[in-house]
């Protein structure tokens, strides 16, 4: 995957969100370890996780 001239790898990354920590596969830069969170993930998957966490 390429974006902004960077070759992104897809793999497991640790995510901390709303005081919880979990691992999920997201694109990341193998050199600087920056994680790319697309708009679709931010508004879709993360919103779903937020609803699940709020229901706890």
C-alpha atoms as a PDB file:
ATOM      1  CA  UNK A   1       0.000   0.000   0.000  1.00  0.00           C
ATOM      2  CA  UNK A   2       1.336   3.459  -0.817  1.00  0.00           C
ATOM      3  CA  UNK A   3       0.264   6.872   0.441  1.00  0.00           C
ATOM      4  CA  UNK A   4       2.199  10.134   0.453  1.00  0.00           C
ATOM      5  CA  UNK A   5       5.201   8.438  -1.147  1.00  0.00           C
ATOM      6  CA  UNK A   6       5.533   5.929   1.702  1.00  0.00           C
ATOM      7  CA  UNK A   7       5.218   2.166   1.366  1.00  0.00           C
ATOM      8  CA  UNK A   8       2.926   1.101   4.190  1.00  0.00           C
ATOM      9  CA  UNK A   9       2.948  -2.384   5.692  1.00  0.00           C
ATOM     10  CA  UNK A  10      -0.232  -3.958   7.019  1.00  0.00           C
ATOM     11  CA  UNK A  11       0.185  -5.662  10.350  1.00  0.00           C
ATOM     12  CA  UNK A  12      -0.722  -5.792  14.013  1.00  0.00           C
ATOM     13  CA  UNK A  13      -0.434  -2.532  15.923  1.00  0.00           C
ATOM     14  CA  UNK A  14      -1.319  -1.734  19.527  1.00  0.00           C
ATOM     15  CA  UNK A  15      -4.105   0.833  19.794  1.00  0.00           C
ATOM     16  CA  UNK A  16      -5.123   2.735  22.919  1.00  0.00           C
ATOM     17  CA  UNK A  17      -8.596   4.238  22.749  1.00  0.00           C
ATOM     18  CA  UNK A  18     -10.934   5.499  25.455  1.00  0.00           C
ATOM     19  CA  UNK A  19      -8.733   4.053  28.183  1.00  0.00           C
ATOM     20  CA  UNK A  20      -8.629   0.602  26.599  1.00  0.00           C
ATOM     21  CA  UNK A  21      -5.811  -1.110  24.726  1.00  0.00           C
ATOM     22  CA  UNK A  22      -6.198  -3.636  21.918  1.00  0.00           C
ATOM     23  CA  UNK A  23      -4.336  -4.980  18.894  1.00  0.00           C
ATOM     24  CA  UNK A  24      -5.612  -4.728  15.340  1.00  0.00           C
ATOM     25  CA  UNK A  25      -4.202  -4.853  11.808  1.00  0.00           C
ATOM     26  CA  UNK A  26      -3.607  -1.372  10.367  1.00  0.00           C
ATOM     27  CA  UNK A  27      -1.202   0.074   7.790  1.00  0.00           C
ATOM     28  CA  UNK A  28       2.008   1.453   9.298  1.00  0.00           C
ATOM     29  CA  UNK A  29       5.344   2.832   8.126  1.00  0.00           C
ATOM     30  CA  UNK A  30       8.068   0.240   8.768  1.00  0.00           C
ATOM     31  CA  UNK A  31      10.686   2.995   9.189  1.00  0.00           C
ATOM     32  CA  UNK A  32       9.072   5.411  11.655  1.00  0.00           C
ATOM     33  CA  UNK A  33       6.214   3.174  12.923  1.00  0.00           C
ATOM     34  CA  UNK A  34       3.586   5.837  12.142  1.00  0.00           C
ATOM     35  CA  UNK A  35       0.154   4.237  11.867  1.00  0.00           C
ATOM     36  CA  UNK A  36      -2.232   5.266   9.088  1.00  0.00           C
ATOM     37  CA  UNK A  37      -5.826   5.444  10.283  1.00  0.00           C
ATOM     38  CA  UNK A  38      -8.037   6.061   7.279  1.00  0.00           C
ATOM     39  CA  UNK A  39     -11.244   8.069   7.448  1.00  0.00           C
ATOM     40  CA  UNK A  40     -13.197   4.847   6.907  1.00  0.00           C
ATOM     41  CA  UNK A  41     -11.563   3.237   9.944  1.00  0.00           C
ATOM     42  CA  UNK A  42     -11.954   6.383  12.058  1.00  0.00           C
ATOM     43  CA  UNK A  43     -15.644   6.822  11.279  1.00  0.00           C
ATOM     44  CA  UNK A  44     -16.579   3.159  10.924  1.00  0.00           C
ATOM     45  CA  UNK A  45     -14.570   0.671  12.938  1.00  0.00           C
ATOM     46  CA  UNK A  46     -13.522   3.104  15.683  1.00  0.00           C
ATOM     47  CA  UNK A  47     -17.105   4.330  16.060  1.00  0.00           C
ATOM     48  CA  UNK A  48     -18.177   0.694  16.425  1.00  0.00           C
ATOM     49  CA  UNK A  49     -15.506   0.106  19.093  1.00  0.00           C
ATOM     50  CA  UNK A  50     -16.615   3.277  20.874  1.00  0.00           C
ATOM     51  CA  UNK A  51     -20.231   2.042  21.000  1.00  0.00           C
ATOM     52  CA  UNK A  52     -19.109  -1.348  22.348  1.00  0.00           C
ATOM     53  CA  UNK A  53     -16.958   0.269  25.045  1.00  0.00           C
ATOM     54  CA  UNK A  54     -19.747   2.647  26.063  1.00  0.00           C
ATOM     55  CA  UNK A  55     -22.114  -0.317  26.484  1.00  0.00           C
ATOM     56  CA  UNK A  56     -19.777  -1.962  29.017  1.00  0.00           C
END
